[in-house]
């Protein structure tokens, strides 16, 4: 399920970036910049979840492990 959510977020960010570029070309600079900013924020959030930490695990792997440990009563 997590993979599906991340994929949708990335696709939405790409669509926002393309839409922002189109709006920028049409002269709607403010709206285009806001769309670009939102696309950047969405991609930054994806990077936060997918970039490995010092121990080599991603935050998603660490969260999954913590949930599994909690369910097991550890």
Protein backbone atom coordinates (compact mmCIF):
# COMPACT_ATOMS: atom_id res chain seq x y z
CA UNK A 1 0.00 0.00 0.00
CA UNK A 2 2.86 2.35 0.82
CA UNK A 3 4.34 1.86 -2.65
CA UNK A 4 1.03 2.83 -4.24
CA UNK A 5 0.77 5.99 -2.15
CA UNK A 6 4.34 7.04 -2.95
CA UNK A 7 3.72 6.40 -6.66
CA UNK A 8 0.58 8.53 -6.65
CA UNK A 9 2.37 11.35 -4.83
CA UNK A 10 5.22 11.33 -7.36
CA UNK A 11 2.81 11.29 -10.30
CA UNK A 12 0.84 14.16 -8.78
CA UNK A 13 4.05 16.14 -8.25
CA UNK A 14 5.05 15.63 -11.88
CA UNK A 15 1.57 16.69 -13.02
CA UNK A 16 1.79 19.81 -10.84
CA UNK A 17 5.21 20.67 -12.25
CA UNK A 18 3.98 20.28 -15.83
CA UNK A 19 0.83 22.26 -15.07
CA UNK A 20 2.90 24.97 -13.43
CA UNK A 21 5.13 25.19 -16.48
CA UNK A 22 2.09 25.53 -18.74
CA UNK A 23 0.64 28.25 -16.53
CA UNK A 24 3.98 30.03 -16.44
CA UNK A 25 4.11 30.04 -20.25
CA UNK A 26 0.59 31.53 -20.32
CA UNK A 27 1.60 34.33 -17.96
CA UNK A 28 0.09 33.15 -14.67
CA UNK A 29 3.35 33.47 -12.78
CA UNK A 30 1.98 33.43 -9.23
CA UNK A 31 -0.11 30.30 -9.73
CA UNK A 32 2.73 28.60 -11.56
CA UNK A 33 5.16 29.31 -8.74
CA UNK A 34 2.71 27.96 -6.15
CA UNK A 35 2.23 24.80 -8.17
CA UNK A 36 6.00 24.41 -8.49
CA UNK A 37 6.44 24.94 -4.77
CA UNK A 38 3.81 22.31 -3.98
CA UNK A 39 5.46 19.85 -6.37
CA UNK A 40 8.81 20.46 -4.66
CA UNK A 41 7.29 19.94 -1.20
CA UNK A 42 5.64 16.69 -2.30
CA UNK A 43 8.90 15.35 -3.74
CA UNK A 44 10.77 16.41 -0.59
CA UNK A 45 8.30 14.44 1.53
CA UNK A 46 8.82 11.38 -0.67
CA UNK A 47 12.58 11.79 -0.27
CA UNK A 48 12.23 11.97 3.52
CA UNK A 49 10.53 8.57 3.50
CA UNK A 50 12.78 6.88 0.94
CA UNK A 51 16.34 8.17 1.53
CA UNK A 52 18.33 5.78 3.76
CA UNK A 53 19.46 6.86 7.22
CA UNK A 54 22.91 6.23 8.75
CA UNK A 55 22.13 2.59 9.50
CA UNK A 56 21.12 1.90 5.88
CA UNK A 57 17.39 1.55 6.54
CA UNK A 58 14.79 3.93 5.19
CA UNK A 59 12.39 5.61 7.64
CA UNK A 60 9.61 3.46 6.21
CA UNK A 61 11.53 0.28 7.04
CA UNK A 62 12.22 1.56 10.55
CA UNK A 63 8.54 2.42 11.05
CA UNK A 64 7.47 -1.01 9.79
CA UNK A 65 9.93 -2.69 12.15
CA UNK A 66 8.71 -0.61 15.10
CA UNK A 67 5.09 -1.53 14.38
CA UNK A 68 5.98 -5.21 14.06
CA UNK A 69 7.92 -5.09 17.34
CA UNK A 70 5.03 -3.39 19.10
CA UNK A 71 2.54 -5.95 17.79
CA UNK A 72 4.82 -8.76 18.95
CA UNK A 73 4.94 -7.21 22.44
CA UNK A 74 8.64 -6.42 22.48
